[in-house]
């Protein structure tokens, strides 16, 4: 069974990590550091297999990225190389000649493709057409969700503006009513004063 899968650059920058066995955070950091340093230090024409602790390390370089796996002793190294190549083919199929920047800015897609391909350290689906179909469905669902979210936000904005306009209109009507009320009070007060003045004159 595959224990872990690491993707890192020639500069040792980790781009993707998938753990199929439980490790503590401290152990993960140590594994990443040791395996990265060990693989990067090997000459270009060295064998793609090496022994590390109780695991077999299988790696392969594609452009500026290293794809590296940790295997149990009973696993087949050549089959693992084929699995790494198939994962790269799946990435190429989705991104179109995948590069390191695709992994950096769309890492969630890379994880999704890996989860469709490998589950629990074992191969789940080898058909590129099936994985591509799953990716299309996921993208369609995400697009629909994005559209619904955009519509909901637009509705919130419209409701907010309508509510604001109604409140402004209501306050404006209150002000007019208050002014009218004051005018009426002053009007009747003036009539009352005129009436008193006429009584005095009489």
Protein backbone atom coordinates (compact mmCIF):
# COMPACT_ATOMS: atom_id res chain seq x y z
CA UNK A 1 0.00 0.00 0.00
CA UNK A 2 1.16 3.52 -0.74
CA UNK A 3 1.94 5.39 2.47
CA UNK A 4 2.23 8.90 1.07
CA UNK A 5 2.56 10.94 -2.11
CA UNK A 6 4.60 14.13 -2.32
CA UNK A 7 5.00 16.68 -5.10
CA UNK A 8 7.87 19.13 -4.74
CA UNK A 9 9.88 21.41 -6.98
CA UNK A 10 13.60 21.38 -7.80
CA UNK A 11 14.02 24.05 -5.12
CA UNK A 12 12.49 21.74 -2.52
CA UNK A 13 9.15 23.62 -2.31
CA UNK A 14 6.31 21.30 -1.40
CA UNK A 15 3.39 21.63 -3.85
CA UNK A 16 1.15 18.73 -2.84
CA UNK A 17 1.07 16.13 -0.08
CA UNK A 18 -1.25 13.19 0.42
CA UNK A 19 -0.99 10.86 3.41
CA UNK A 20 -2.60 7.44 3.31
CA UNK A 21 -1.33 6.45 6.76
CA UNK A 22 -1.73 8.39 9.97
CA UNK A 23 1.37 10.37 10.94
CA UNK A 24 1.82 13.09 13.50
CA UNK A 25 2.55 16.59 12.26
CA UNK A 26 6.10 16.30 13.56
CA UNK A 27 6.68 13.04 11.67
CA UNK A 28 5.17 14.50 8.50
CA UNK A 29 7.54 17.45 8.58
CA UNK A 30 10.52 15.15 9.16
CA UNK A 31 9.49 12.79 6.35
CA UNK A 32 9.01 15.69 3.94
CA UNK A 33 12.38 17.19 4.85
CA UNK A 34 14.35 13.92 4.70
CA UNK A 35 12.76 12.56 1.52
CA UNK A 36 13.00 15.88 -0.31
CA UNK A 37 16.66 16.32 0.56
CA UNK A 38 17.47 12.71 -0.31
CA UNK A 39 15.75 12.79 -3.72
CA UNK A 40 17.10 16.20 -4.75
CA UNK A 41 20.65 15.15 -3.86
CA UNK A 42 20.61 12.19 -6.28
CA UNK A 43 22.34 12.51 -9.69
CA UNK A 44 20.08 12.90 -12.76
CA UNK A 45 20.65 9.37 -14.13
CA UNK A 46 20.26 7.56 -10.83
CA UNK A 47 17.75 4.79 -10.24
CA UNK A 48 14.21 5.94 -9.40
CA UNK A 49 14.02 3.54 -6.44
CA UNK A 50 15.74 3.85 -3.10
CA UNK A 51 15.42 2.48 0.40
CA UNK A 52 14.56 4.75 3.32
CA UNK A 53 13.93 3.35 6.78
CA UNK A 54 11.30 0.61 6.39
CA UNK A 55 9.88 2.10 3.19
CA UNK A 56 10.73 2.03 -0.49
CA UNK A 57 10.83 5.46 -2.11
CA UNK A 58 9.80 5.68 -5.76
CA UNK A 59 10.10 9.00 -7.53
CA UNK A 60 9.98 10.45 -11.01
CA UNK A 61 10.70 13.90 -12.32
CA UNK A 62 8.42 15.71 -14.75
CA UNK A 63 9.74 19.12 -15.86
CA UNK A 64 10.27 21.10 -12.64
CA UNK A 65 8.28 18.78 -10.37
CA UNK A 66 9.21 15.60 -8.55
CA UNK A 67 6.46 13.03 -7.93
CA UNK A 68 7.50 10.89 -4.99
CA UNK A 69 5.82 7.94 -3.23
CA UNK A 70 6.53 6.02 -0.05
CA UNK A 71 5.71 2.30 -0.38
CA UNK A 72 5.60 -0.73 1.83
CA UNK A 73 8.16 -3.45 1.23
CA UNK A 74 5.76 -5.73 -0.60
CA UNK A 75 4.66 -3.13 -3.19
CA UNK A 76 5.77 -3.14 -6.81
CA UNK A 77 8.06 -0.27 -7.74
CA UNK A 78 7.48 -0.51 -11.50
CA UNK A 79 3.72 -0.47 -11.02
CA UNK A 80 4.10 2.63 -8.83
CA UNK A 81 6.05 4.36 -11.59
CA UNK A 82 3.17 3.64 -13.93
CA UNK A 83 0.73 5.04 -11.37
CA UNK A 84 2.75 8.25 -11.13
CA UNK A 85 2.78 8.51 -14.91
CA UNK A 86 -0.97 7.94 -15.08
CA UNK A 87 -1.53 10.70 -12.50
CA UNK A 88 0.53 13.07 -14.63
CA UNK A 89 -1.53 12.05 -17.68
CA UNK A 90 -4.72 12.83 -15.78
CA UNK A 91 -3.35 16.24 -14.80
CA UNK A 92 -2.32 16.89 -18.41
CA UNK A 93 -5.77 15.87 -19.60
CA UNK A 94 -7.46 18.36 -17.28
CA UNK A 95 -5.04 21.30 -17.37
CA UNK A 96 -3.52 20.77 -20.81
CA UNK A 97 0.25 20.23 -20.49
CA UNK A 98 0.24 20.71 -16.72
CA UNK A 99 2.95 22.83 -15.14
CA UNK A 100 3.96 23.77 -11.62
CA UNK A 101 1.84 26.93 -11.65
CA UNK A 102 -1.27 24.86 -12.39
CA UNK A 103 -0.65 22.87 -9.21
CA UNK A 104 0.02 26.02 -7.19
CA UNK A 105 -3.08 27.97 -8.25
CA UNK A 106 -5.43 25.01 -8.67
CA UNK A 107 -4.24 22.67 -5.95
CA UNK A 108 -7.81 21.69 -5.05
CA UNK A 109 -8.26 20.32 -8.58
CA UNK A 110 -5.05 18.31 -8.27
CA UNK A 111 -6.28 16.84 -4.99
CA UNK A 112 -9.68 16.05 -6.50
CA UNK A 113 -8.10 14.20 -9.44
CA UNK A 114 -5.86 12.27 -7.03
CA UNK A 115 -8.84 11.31 -4.88
CA UNK A 116 -10.68 10.06 -7.96
CA UNK A 117 -7.61 8.02 -8.91
CA UNK A 118 -6.28 6.69 -5.60
CA UNK A 119 -8.15 6.04 -2.35
CA UNK A 120 -6.54 4.72 0.81
CA UNK A 121 -3.23 4.18 -0.93
CA UNK A 122 -4.75 1.85 -3.54
CA UNK A 123 -5.78 2.47 -7.13
CA UNK A 124 -9.48 3.28 -7.35
CA UNK A 125 -9.97 4.19 -11.00
CA UNK A 126 -7.57 3.73 -13.92
CA UNK A 127 -9.85 5.00 -16.68
CA UNK A 128 -8.95 8.52 -17.75
CA UNK A 129 -12.41 8.94 -19.28
CA UNK A 130 -14.11 8.18 -15.94
CA UNK A 131 -11.89 10.63 -14.06
CA UNK A 132 -12.48 13.28 -16.73
CA UNK A 133 -16.23 12.76 -16.44
CA UNK A 134 -16.07 13.17 -12.66
CA UNK A 135 -14.10 16.39 -13.09
CA UNK A 136 -16.65 17.74 -15.57
CA UNK A 137 -19.50 16.98 -13.17
CA UNK A 138 -17.64 18.63 -10.30
CA UNK A 139 -16.89 21.73 -12.39
CA UNK A 140 -20.54 21.94 -13.50
CA UNK A 141 -21.72 21.67 -9.92
CA UNK A 142 -19.26 24.34 -8.83
CA UNK A 143 -20.38 26.62 -11.66
CA UNK A 144 -24.06 26.17 -10.70
CA UNK A 145 -23.22 26.85 -7.07
CA UNK A 146 -21.27 29.96 -8.07
CA UNK A 147 -24.23 31.16 -10.17
CA UNK A 148 -26.65 30.61 -7.27
CA UNK A 149 -24.31 32.41 -4.90
CA UNK A 150 -24.00 35.35 -7.32
CA UNK A 151 -27.79 35.48 -7.76
CA UNK A 152 -28.31 35.37 -4.00
CA UNK A 153 -25.83 38.19 -3.45
CA UNK A 154 -27.47 40.23 -6.21
CA UNK A 155 -30.87 39.68 -4.60
CA UNK A 156 -29.47 40.81 -1.25
CA UNK A 157 -28.11 43.99 -2.84
CA UNK A 158 -31.45 44.73 -4.54
CA UNK A 159 -33.40 44.11 -1.32
CA UNK A 160 -30.99 46.33 0.60
CA UNK A 161 -31.43 49.19 -1.87
CA UNK A 162 -35.22 48.80 -1.94
CA UNK A 163 -35.36 48.73 1.85
CA UNK A 164 -33.14 51.82 2.01
CA UNK A 165 -35.33 53.67 -0.48
CA UNK A 166 -38.48 52.71 1.45
CA UNK A 167 -36.94 53.90 4.72
CA UNK A 168 -35.88 57.18 3.14
CA UNK A 169 -39.36 57.69 1.70
CA UNK A 170 -40.95 56.86 5.05
CA UNK A 171 -38.72 59.33 6.89
CA UNK A 172 -39.43 61.95 4.23
CA UNK A 173 -43.18 61.45 4.70
CA UNK A 174 -42.78 61.75 8.46
CA UNK A 175 -40.94 65.04 8.03
CA UNK A 176 -43.67 66.36 5.71
CA UNK A 177 -46.36 65.24 8.15
CA UNK A 178 -44.56 66.95 11.00
CA UNK A 179 -44.21 70.16 9.00
CA UNK A 180 -47.89 70.04 8.07
CA UNK A 181 -48.82 69.47 11.68
CA UNK A 182 -46.72 72.46 12.79
CA UNK A 183 -48.28 74.56 10.03
CA UNK A 184 -51.78 73.58 11.15
CA UNK A 185 -50.95 74.40 14.78
CA UNK A 186 -49.59 77.82 13.77
CA UNK A 187 -52.62 78.40 11.54
CA UNK A 188 -55.16 77.64 14.24
CA UNK A 189 -53.09 79.62 16.77
CA UNK A 190 -53.19 82.64 14.44
CA UNK A 191 -56.98 82.29 14.03
CA UNK A 192 -57.38 82.06 17.79
CA UNK A 193 -55.28 85.20 18.35
CA UNK A 194 -57.31 87.09 15.72
CA UNK A 195 -60.52 86.01 17.40
CA UNK A 196 -59.29 87.24 20.80
CA UNK A 197 -58.15 90.52 19.28
CA UNK A 198 -61.60 91.09 17.73
CA UNK A 199 -63.28 90.38 21.09
CA UNK A 200 -61.03 92.92 22.76
CA UNK A 201 -61.80 95.50 20.13
CA UNK A 202 -65.54 94.95 20.52
